[in-house]
């Protein structure tokens, strides 16, 4: 477990050393890292590839995440100052910079099949994002499909590439559950994001018109879906294929901040 944590920390250190830029940091936020994705990559590929190749793939994965997340932050508001203009321009450039780094990293290490996999995954993620943005009345089932791809398409496609179907399903459900828990926290702060919006849509469709669920009812719907998702992921992780100590630690971290009071 200590060796595993050391690999993850080394990957994070390499990411920040690659992306650190004094001028950029004056205008845009430091990119975040989803450690769960790094851990899943190391756990899934530990018996498939040499450690150096896994290091490159894990680092490329979080660079792509940084690129996509940075582009998401590009403001569409009216420009009312030079600072805002420069912030917007640099945010776009930073996303492009992170994207170029992932491509360079994989090309330099000769991992051409991974370049294709990442390219297809990015296209898939963007298509599902557009579907979410364009449709505010999606069902929970449709939203589940979109969010699973948005949150973990790269890792799912890796599982397909290495013919690891059980890993693909576990990854898909784990990261959907993680997004649902995030949306729960956002709902408590007054924001209604896609999964919660879909839950409300389906619930309203099942009731006589007109009907609007209360805040408490919506929170109950979310909590029920989280409980169902947790049970499903835990059942999947009963498969001896998974490194229980690693993945179960991730589950513990995921649920530790939850408060159902």
C-alpha atoms as a PDB file:
ATOM      1  CA  UNK A   1       0.000   0.000   0.000  1.00  0.00           C
ATOM      2  CA  UNK A   2       2.868   2.387   0.820  1.00  0.00           C
ATOM      3  CA  UNK A   3       4.537   1.651  -2.522  1.00  0.00           C
ATOM      4  CA  UNK A   4       1.234   2.329  -4.261  1.00  0.00           C
ATOM      5  CA  UNK A   5       0.796   5.683  -2.505  1.00  0.00           C
ATOM      6  CA  UNK A   6       4.373   6.586  -3.389  1.00  0.00           C
ATOM      7  CA  UNK A   7       3.685   5.991  -7.101  1.00  0.00           C
ATOM      8  CA  UNK A   8       0.567   8.161  -6.952  1.00  0.00           C
ATOM      9  CA  UNK A   9       2.449  10.962  -5.183  1.00  0.00           C
ATOM     10  CA  UNK A  10       5.277  10.799  -7.722  1.00  0.00           C
ATOM     11  CA  UNK A  11       2.739  11.127 -10.529  1.00  0.00           C
ATOM     12  CA  UNK A  12       1.217  14.196  -8.862  1.00  0.00           C
ATOM     13  CA  UNK A  13       4.663  15.757  -8.381  1.00  0.00           C
ATOM     14  CA  UNK A  14       5.499  15.230 -12.060  1.00  0.00           C
ATOM     15  CA  UNK A  15       2.180  16.760 -13.065  1.00  0.00           C
ATOM     16  CA  UNK A  16       2.770  19.938 -11.062  1.00  0.00           C
ATOM     17  CA  UNK A  17       6.384  20.227 -12.216  1.00  0.00           C
ATOM     18  CA  UNK A  18       5.205  19.989 -15.842  1.00  0.00           C
ATOM     19  CA  UNK A  19       2.293  22.416 -15.503  1.00  0.00           C
ATOM     20  CA  UNK A  20       3.851  24.991 -13.189  1.00  0.00           C
ATOM     21  CA  UNK A  21       4.103  28.355 -14.901  1.00  0.00           C
ATOM     22  CA  UNK A  22       4.625  31.544 -12.879  1.00  0.00           C
ATOM     23  CA  UNK A  23       2.910  33.847 -15.382  1.00  0.00           C
ATOM     24  CA  UNK A  24      -0.156  31.590 -15.782  1.00  0.00           C
ATOM     25  CA  UNK A  25      -0.581  31.302 -12.027  1.00  0.00           C
ATOM     26  CA  UNK A  26      -1.068  35.069 -11.764  1.00  0.00           C
ATOM     27  CA  UNK A  27      -4.278  34.808 -13.763  1.00  0.00           C
ATOM     28  CA  UNK A  28      -5.721  31.277 -13.525  1.00  0.00           C
ATOM     29  CA  UNK A  29      -6.235  28.714 -10.808  1.00  0.00           C
ATOM     30  CA  UNK A  30      -3.836  25.861 -10.283  1.00  0.00           C
ATOM     31  CA  UNK A  31      -5.279  22.708 -11.937  1.00  0.00           C
ATOM     32  CA  UNK A  32      -6.759  20.031  -9.710  1.00  0.00           C
ATOM     33  CA  UNK A  33      -5.933  16.327  -9.752  1.00  0.00           C
ATOM     34  CA  UNK A  34      -8.473  13.553  -9.310  1.00  0.00           C
ATOM     35  CA  UNK A  35      -6.372  11.141  -7.266  1.00  0.00           C
ATOM     36  CA  UNK A  36      -9.017   8.436  -7.564  1.00  0.00           C
ATOM     37  CA  UNK A  37      -8.405   8.234 -11.314  1.00  0.00           C
ATOM     38  CA  UNK A  38      -4.665   7.906 -10.775  1.00  0.00           C
ATOM     39  CA  UNK A  39      -5.207   5.136  -8.246  1.00  0.00           C
ATOM     40  CA  UNK A  40      -7.586   3.239 -10.513  1.00  0.00           C
ATOM     41  CA  UNK A  41      -5.102   3.434 -13.401  1.00  0.00           C
ATOM     42  CA  UNK A  42      -2.249   2.060 -11.288  1.00  0.00           C
ATOM     43  CA  UNK A  43      -4.441  -0.663  -9.778  1.00  0.00           C
ATOM     44  CA  UNK A  44      -5.963  -1.687 -13.124  1.00  0.00           C
ATOM     45  CA  UNK A  45      -2.763  -1.708 -15.162  1.00  0.00           C
ATOM     46  CA  UNK A  46      -0.320  -3.021 -12.537  1.00  0.00           C
ATOM     47  CA  UNK A  47      -0.338  -6.496 -14.108  1.00  0.00           C
ATOM     48  CA  UNK A  48      -0.704  -5.314 -17.701  1.00  0.00           C
ATOM     49  CA  UNK A  49       2.246  -2.983 -18.285  1.00  0.00           C
ATOM     50  CA  UNK A  50       5.709  -2.052 -16.972  1.00  0.00           C
ATOM     51  CA  UNK A  51       5.667   0.642 -14.293  1.00  0.00           C
ATOM     52  CA  UNK A  52       7.260   3.274 -16.563  1.00  0.00           C
ATOM     53  CA  UNK A  53       4.427   2.896 -19.105  1.00  0.00           C
ATOM     54  CA  UNK A  54       1.778   3.126 -16.379  1.00  0.00           C
ATOM     55  CA  UNK A  55       3.458   6.285 -15.081  1.00  0.00           C
ATOM     56  CA  UNK A  56       3.207   7.901 -18.513  1.00  0.00           C
ATOM     57  CA  UNK A  57      -0.420   6.860 -19.022  1.00  0.00           C
ATOM     58  CA  UNK A  58      -1.462   8.054 -15.572  1.00  0.00           C
ATOM     59  CA  UNK A  59       0.298  11.382 -16.076  1.00  0.00           C
ATOM     60  CA  UNK A  60      -1.241  11.796 -19.548  1.00  0.00           C
ATOM     61  CA  UNK A  61      -4.678  11.073 -18.096  1.00  0.00           C
ATOM     62  CA  UNK A  62      -4.529  13.843 -15.511  1.00  0.00           C
ATOM     63  CA  UNK A  63      -3.093  16.249 -18.103  1.00  0.00           C
ATOM     64  CA  UNK A  64      -6.151  15.594 -20.290  1.00  0.00           C
ATOM     65  CA  UNK A  65      -8.419  16.126 -17.288  1.00  0.00           C
ATOM     66  CA  UNK A  66      -6.638  19.408 -16.580  1.00  0.00           C
ATOM     67  CA  UNK A  67      -7.085  20.492 -20.205  1.00  0.00           C
ATOM     68  CA  UNK A  68     -10.796  19.668 -20.282  1.00  0.00           C
ATOM     69  CA  UNK A  69     -11.489  21.187 -16.873  1.00  0.00           C
ATOM     70  CA  UNK A  70      -9.554  24.353 -17.699  1.00  0.00           C
ATOM     71  CA  UNK A  71     -11.471  24.891 -20.936  1.00  0.00           C
ATOM     72  CA  UNK A  72     -14.698  24.462 -18.930  1.00  0.00           C
ATOM     73  CA  UNK A  73     -13.709  27.510 -16.888  1.00  0.00           C
ATOM     74  CA  UNK A  74     -13.517  29.860 -19.872  1.00  0.00           C
ATOM     75  CA  UNK A  75     -15.855  32.739 -19.047  1.00  0.00           C
ATOM     76  CA  UNK A  76     -18.617  33.651 -21.497  1.00  0.00           C
ATOM     77  CA  UNK A  77     -19.473  36.879 -19.703  1.00  0.00           C
ATOM     78  CA  UNK A  78     -18.994  40.254 -21.341  1.00  0.00           C
ATOM     79  CA  UNK A  79     -15.398  41.450 -21.129  1.00  0.00           C
ATOM     80  CA  UNK A  80     -15.284  44.589 -18.973  1.00  0.00           C
ATOM     81  CA  UNK A  81     -11.578  44.895 -18.163  1.00  0.00           C
ATOM     82  CA  UNK A  82      -8.134  44.026 -19.484  1.00  0.00           C
ATOM     83  CA  UNK A  83      -7.709  41.611 -16.576  1.00  0.00           C
ATOM     84  CA  UNK A  84     -10.846  39.646 -17.544  1.00  0.00           C
ATOM     85  CA  UNK A  85      -9.736  39.615 -21.183  1.00  0.00           C
ATOM     86  CA  UNK A  86      -6.290  38.320 -20.277  1.00  0.00           C
ATOM     87  CA  UNK A  87      -7.763  35.769 -17.885  1.00  0.00           C
ATOM     88  CA  UNK A  88      -9.985  34.375 -20.638  1.00  0.00           C
ATOM     89  CA  UNK A  89      -7.171  34.231 -23.179  1.00  0.00           C
ATOM     90  CA  UNK A  90      -4.780  32.557 -20.751  1.00  0.00           C
ATOM     91  CA  UNK A  91      -7.392  30.047 -19.605  1.00  0.00           C
ATOM     92  CA  UNK A  92      -7.843  28.903 -23.200  1.00  0.00           C
ATOM     93  CA  UNK A  93      -4.081  28.795 -23.744  1.00  0.00           C
ATOM     94  CA  UNK A  94      -3.507  26.886 -20.498  1.00  0.00           C
ATOM     95  CA  UNK A  95      -6.020  24.220 -21.547  1.00  0.00           C
ATOM     96  CA  UNK A  96      -4.284  23.931 -24.926  1.00  0.00           C
ATOM     97  CA  UNK A  97      -0.909  23.753 -23.174  1.00  0.00           C
ATOM     98  CA  UNK A  98      -1.994  20.866 -20.921  1.00  0.00           C
ATOM     99  CA  UNK A  99      -3.429  19.052 -23.932  1.00  0.00           C
ATOM    100  CA  UNK A 100      -0.186  19.427 -25.890  1.00  0.00           C
ATOM    101  CA  UNK A 101       1.758  18.032 -22.933  1.00  0.00           C
ATOM    102  CA  UNK A 102      -0.258  14.811 -22.812  1.00  0.00           C
ATOM    103  CA  UNK A 103       0.249  14.307 -26.555  1.00  0.00           C
ATOM    104  CA  UNK A 104       3.976  14.992 -26.343  1.00  0.00           C
ATOM    105  CA  UNK A 105       4.352  12.657 -23.374  1.00  0.00           C
ATOM    106  CA  UNK A 106       2.696   9.691 -25.107  1.00  0.00           C
ATOM    107  CA  UNK A 107       4.343  10.348 -28.475  1.00  0.00           C
ATOM    108  CA  UNK A 108       7.796  10.690 -26.874  1.00  0.00           C
ATOM    109  CA  UNK A 109       7.344   7.326 -25.096  1.00  0.00           C
ATOM    110  CA  UNK A 110       6.088   5.626 -28.285  1.00  0.00           C
ATOM    111  CA  UNK A 111       2.615   4.837 -26.938  1.00  0.00           C
ATOM    112  CA  UNK A 112       0.752   5.460 -30.196  1.00  0.00           C
ATOM    113  CA  UNK A 113      -2.195   3.231 -29.328  1.00  0.00           C
ATOM    114  CA  UNK A 114      -2.766   5.335 -26.211  1.00  0.00           C
ATOM    115  CA  UNK A 115      -2.759   8.549 -28.274  1.00  0.00           C
ATOM    116  CA  UNK A 116      -5.614   7.144 -30.348  1.00  0.00           C
ATOM    117  CA  UNK A 117      -7.437   5.964 -27.223  1.00  0.00           C
ATOM    118  CA  UNK A 118      -7.129   9.381 -25.581  1.00  0.00           C
ATOM    119  CA  UNK A 119      -8.251  11.170 -28.745  1.00  0.00           C
ATOM    120  CA  UNK A 120     -11.373   9.009 -29.069  1.00  0.00           C
ATOM    121  CA  UNK A 121     -12.094   9.463 -25.353  1.00  0.00           C
ATOM    122  CA  UNK A 122     -11.854  13.262 -25.556  1.00  0.00           C
ATOM    123  CA  UNK A 123     -14.288  13.279 -28.477  1.00  0.00           C
ATOM    124  CA  UNK A 124     -16.656  11.016 -26.554  1.00  0.00           C
ATOM    125  CA  UNK A 125     -16.493  13.205 -23.428  1.00  0.00           C
ATOM    126  CA  UNK A 126     -17.239  16.359 -25.407  1.00  0.00           C
ATOM    127  CA  UNK A 127     -20.175  14.744 -27.223  1.00  0.00           C
ATOM    128  CA  UNK A 128     -21.752  13.687 -23.935  1.00  0.00           C
ATOM    129  CA  UNK A 129     -21.152  17.135 -22.438  1.00  0.00           C
ATOM    130  CA  UNK A 130     -22.975  18.719 -25.365  1.00  0.00           C
ATOM    131  CA  UNK A 131     -25.868  16.321 -24.859  1.00  0.00           C
ATOM    132  CA  UNK A 132     -26.119  17.355 -21.203  1.00  0.00           C
ATOM    133  CA  UNK A 133     -25.911  21.069 -21.998  1.00  0.00           C
ATOM    134  CA  UNK A 134     -28.480  20.923 -24.800  1.00  0.00           C
ATOM    135  CA  UNK A 135     -31.111  18.898 -22.950  1.00  0.00           C
ATOM    136  CA  UNK A 136     -32.494  19.962 -19.588  1.00  0.00           C
ATOM    137  CA  UNK A 137     -35.214  17.291 -19.533  1.00  0.00           C
ATOM    138  CA  UNK A 138     -33.124  14.138 -19.782  1.00  0.00           C
ATOM    139  CA  UNK A 139     -34.231  11.050 -17.883  1.00  0.00           C
ATOM    140  CA  UNK A 140     -32.079   9.636 -15.097  1.00  0.00           C
ATOM    141  CA  UNK A 141     -31.121   6.705 -17.338  1.00  0.00           C
ATOM    142  CA  UNK A 142     -29.930   8.988 -20.146  1.00  0.00           C
ATOM    143  CA  UNK A 143     -28.106  11.259 -17.705  1.00  0.00           C
ATOM    144  CA  UNK A 144     -26.452   8.244 -16.096  1.00  0.00           C
ATOM    145  CA  UNK A 145     -25.077   7.233 -19.490  1.00  0.00           C
ATOM    146  CA  UNK A 146     -23.790  10.734 -20.259  1.00  0.00           C
ATOM    147  CA  UNK A 147     -22.213  11.340 -16.848  1.00  0.00           C
ATOM    148  CA  UNK A 148     -20.506   7.940 -16.793  1.00  0.00           C
ATOM    149  CA  UNK A 149     -18.736   8.853 -20.039  1.00  0.00           C
ATOM    150  CA  UNK A 150     -17.960  12.425 -19.002  1.00  0.00           C
ATOM    151  CA  UNK A 151     -16.450  11.335 -15.698  1.00  0.00           C
ATOM    152  CA  UNK A 152     -14.510   8.244 -16.751  1.00  0.00           C
ATOM    153  CA  UNK A 153     -14.425   7.645 -20.535  1.00  0.00           C
ATOM    154  CA  UNK A 154     -10.622   7.501 -20.630  1.00  0.00           C
ATOM    155  CA  UNK A 155     -10.408   4.873 -17.903  1.00  0.00           C
ATOM    156  CA  UNK A 156     -13.307   2.875 -19.340  1.00  0.00           C
ATOM    157  CA  UNK A 157     -11.662   2.852 -22.762  1.00  0.00           C
ATOM    158  CA  UNK A 158      -8.412   1.704 -21.171  1.00  0.00           C
ATOM    159  CA  UNK A 159     -10.300  -1.204 -19.626  1.00  0.00           C
ATOM    160  CA  UNK A 160     -11.712  -2.042 -23.071  1.00  0.00           C
ATOM    161  CA  UNK A 161      -8.271  -1.783 -24.650  1.00  0.00           C
ATOM    162  CA  UNK A 162      -6.768  -4.235 -22.169  1.00  0.00           C
ATOM    163  CA  UNK A 163      -9.880  -6.461 -22.192  1.00  0.00           C
ATOM    164  CA  UNK A 164     -10.830  -5.857 -18.567  1.00  0.00           C
ATOM    165  CA  UNK A 165     -14.666  -5.697 -18.611  1.00  0.00           C
ATOM    166  CA  UNK A 166     -15.061  -5.973 -14.830  1.00  0.00           C
ATOM    167  CA  UNK A 167     -12.778  -3.004 -14.330  1.00  0.00           C
ATOM    168  CA  UNK A 168     -14.771  -1.018 -16.886  1.00  0.00           C
ATOM    169  CA  UNK A 169     -18.051  -1.527 -15.026  1.00  0.00           C
ATOM    170  CA  UNK A 170     -16.540  -0.794 -11.617  1.00  0.00           C
ATOM    171  CA  UNK A 171     -14.892   2.396 -12.924  1.00  0.00           C
ATOM    172  CA  UNK A 172     -18.088   3.577 -14.596  1.00  0.00           C
ATOM    173  CA  UNK A 173     -20.209   3.132 -11.470  1.00  0.00           C
ATOM    174  CA  UNK A 174     -17.598   4.435  -9.023  1.00  0.00           C
ATOM    175  CA  UNK A 175     -17.097   7.738 -10.833  1.00  0.00           C
ATOM    176  CA  UNK A 176     -20.825   8.191 -11.448  1.00  0.00           C
ATOM    177  CA  UNK A 177     -21.348   7.717  -7.716  1.00  0.00           C
ATOM    178  CA  UNK A 178     -18.583  10.210  -6.988  1.00  0.00           C
ATOM    179  CA  UNK A 179     -20.253  12.778  -9.261  1.00  0.00           C
ATOM    180  CA  UNK A 180     -23.620  12.122  -7.598  1.00  0.00           C
ATOM    181  CA  UNK A 181     -22.121  12.783  -4.165  1.00  0.00           C
ATOM    182  CA  UNK A 182     -20.646  16.031  -5.498  1.00  0.00           C
ATOM    183  CA  UNK A 183     -24.036  17.053  -6.904  1.00  0.00           C
ATOM    184  CA  UNK A 184     -25.585  16.342  -3.506  1.00  0.00           C
ATOM    185  CA  UNK A 185     -23.244  18.869  -1.903  1.00  0.00           C
ATOM    186  CA  UNK A 186     -24.091  21.370  -4.639  1.00  0.00           C
ATOM    187  CA  UNK A 187     -27.826  20.842  -4.119  1.00  0.00           C
ATOM    188  CA  UNK A 188     -27.394  21.639  -0.438  1.00  0.00           C
ATOM    189  CA  UNK A 189     -25.773  24.929  -1.538  1.00  0.00           C
ATOM    190  CA  UNK A 190     -28.662  25.764  -3.869  1.00  0.00           C
ATOM    191  CA  UNK A 191     -27.350  24.505  -7.250  1.00  0.00           C
ATOM    192  CA  UNK A 192     -29.243  22.015  -9.415  1.00  0.00           C
ATOM    193  CA  UNK A 193     -26.856  20.016 -11.611  1.00  0.00           C
ATOM    194  CA  UNK A 194     -27.629  17.369 -14.300  1.00  0.00           C
ATOM    195  CA  UNK A 195     -28.105  14.207 -12.207  1.00  0.00           C
ATOM    196  CA  UNK A 196     -30.288  15.944  -9.638  1.00  0.00           C
ATOM    197  CA  UNK A 197     -32.212  17.651 -12.435  1.00  0.00           C
ATOM    198  CA  UNK A 198     -32.868  14.237 -14.022  1.00  0.00           C
ATOM    199  CA  UNK A 199     -33.975  12.748 -10.694  1.00  0.00           C
ATOM    200  CA  UNK A 200     -36.463  15.587 -10.242  1.00  0.00           C
ATOM    201  CA  UNK A 201     -37.655  15.212 -13.853  1.00  0.00           C
ATOM    202  CA  UNK A 202     -38.345  11.466 -13.454  1.00  0.00           C
ATOM    203  CA  UNK A 203     -40.008  11.977 -10.064  1.00  0.00           C
ATOM    204  CA  UNK A 204     -42.317  14.682 -11.449  1.00  0.00           C
ATOM    205  CA  UNK A 205     -43.239  12.448 -14.385  1.00  0.00           C
ATOM    206  CA  UNK A 206     -44.393   9.759 -11.962  1.00  0.00           C
ATOM    207  CA  UNK A 207     -46.779  12.138 -10.175  1.00  0.00           C
ATOM    208  CA  UNK A 208     -50.040  13.817 -11.179  1.00  0.00           C
ATOM    209  CA  UNK A 209     -49.681  17.280 -12.706  1.00  0.00           C
ATOM    210  CA  UNK A 210     -48.787  19.818 -11.430  1.00  0.00           C
ATOM    211  CA  UNK A 211     -46.190  18.616  -8.945  1.00  0.00           C
ATOM    212  CA  UNK A 212     -42.971  20.078  -7.548  1.00  0.00           C
ATOM    213  CA  UNK A 213     -41.030  18.073  -4.962  1.00  0.00           C
ATOM    214  CA  UNK A 214     -39.833  19.815  -1.821  1.00  0.00           C
ATOM    215  CA  UNK A 215     -36.162  20.311  -0.954  1.00  0.00           C
ATOM    216  CA  UNK A 216     -36.420  17.485   1.591  1.00  0.00           C
ATOM    217  CA  UNK A 217     -37.997  15.121  -0.957  1.00  0.00           C
ATOM    218  CA  UNK A 218     -35.247  15.816  -3.490  1.00  0.00           C
ATOM    219  CA  UNK A 219     -32.557  15.238  -0.873  1.00  0.00           C
ATOM    220  CA  UNK A 220     -34.206  11.924  -0.019  1.00  0.00           C
ATOM    221  CA  UNK A 221     -34.180  10.934  -3.705  1.00  0.00           C
ATOM    222  CA  UNK A 222     -30.471  11.759  -3.928  1.00  0.00           C
ATOM    223  CA  UNK A 223     -29.650   9.848  -0.735  1.00  0.00           C
ATOM    224  CA  UNK A 224     -31.522   6.791  -2.014  1.00  0.00           C
ATOM    225  CA  UNK A 225     -29.572   6.843  -5.284  1.00  0.00           C
ATOM    226  CA  UNK A 226     -26.295   7.206  -3.383  1.00  0.00           C
ATOM    227  CA  UNK A 227     -27.163   4.198  -1.201  1.00  0.00           C
ATOM    228  CA  UNK A 228     -28.087   2.147  -4.273  1.00  0.00           C
ATOM    229  CA  UNK A 229     -24.873   3.184  -6.021  1.00  0.00           C
ATOM    230  CA  UNK A 230     -22.735   2.370  -2.988  1.00  0.00           C
ATOM    231  CA  UNK A 231     -24.255  -1.117  -2.740  1.00  0.00           C
ATOM    232  CA  UNK A 232     -23.703  -1.718  -6.448  1.00  0.00           C
ATOM    233  CA  UNK A 233     -20.047  -0.639  -6.364  1.00  0.00           C
ATOM    234  CA  UNK A 234     -19.361  -2.682  -3.228  1.00  0.00           C
ATOM    235  CA  UNK A 235     -20.916  -5.725  -4.886  1.00  0.00           C
ATOM    236  CA  UNK A 236     -18.725  -5.254  -7.953  1.00  0.00           C
ATOM    237  CA  UNK A 237     -15.650  -4.952  -5.732  1.00  0.00           C
ATOM    238  CA  UNK A 238     -16.318  -8.372  -4.213  1.00  0.00           C
ATOM    239  CA  UNK A 239     -14.646  -9.781  -7.332  1.00  0.00           C
ATOM    240  CA  UNK A 240     -11.177 -11.045  -6.259  1.00  0.00           C
ATOM    241  CA  UNK A 241      -9.773  -9.341  -9.362  1.00  0.00           C
ATOM    242  CA  UNK A 242      -9.726  -5.984  -7.582  1.00  0.00           C
ATOM    243  CA  UNK A 243      -7.019  -4.894  -5.155  1.00  0.00           C
ATOM    244  CA  UNK A 244      -9.342  -4.590  -2.204  1.00  0.00           C
ATOM    245  CA  UNK A 245      -7.050  -2.587   0.059  1.00  0.00           C
ATOM    246  CA  UNK A 246      -6.537   0.066  -2.613  1.00  0.00           C
ATOM    247  CA  UNK A 247     -10.075   0.388  -3.973  1.00  0.00           C
ATOM    248  CA  UNK A 248     -11.839   0.100  -0.605  1.00  0.00           C
ATOM    249  CA  UNK A 249      -9.678   2.940   0.725  1.00  0.00           C
ATOM    250  CA  UNK A 250     -11.013   5.037  -2.133  1.00  0.00           C
ATOM    251  CA  UNK A 251     -14.567   4.119  -1.144  1.00  0.00           C
ATOM    252  CA  UNK A 252     -13.869   5.154   2.443  1.00  0.00           C
ATOM    253  CA  UNK A 253     -12.523   8.538   1.324  1.00  0.00           C
ATOM    254  CA  UNK A 254     -15.510   9.032  -0.957  1.00  0.00           C
ATOM    255  CA  UNK A 255     -18.067   8.569   1.818  1.00  0.00           C
ATOM    256  CA  UNK A 256     -16.196  10.072   4.763  1.00  0.00           C
ATOM    257  CA  UNK A 257     -17.494  13.659   4.235  1.00  0.00           C
ATOM    258  CA  UNK A 258     -21.164  12.642   3.850  1.00  0.00           C
ATOM    259  CA  UNK A 259     -23.630  13.788   6.454  1.00  0.00           C
ATOM    260  CA  UNK A 260     -27.205  12.540   6.163  1.00  0.00           C
ATOM    261  CA  UNK A 261     -28.572  14.548   9.067  1.00  0.00           C
END
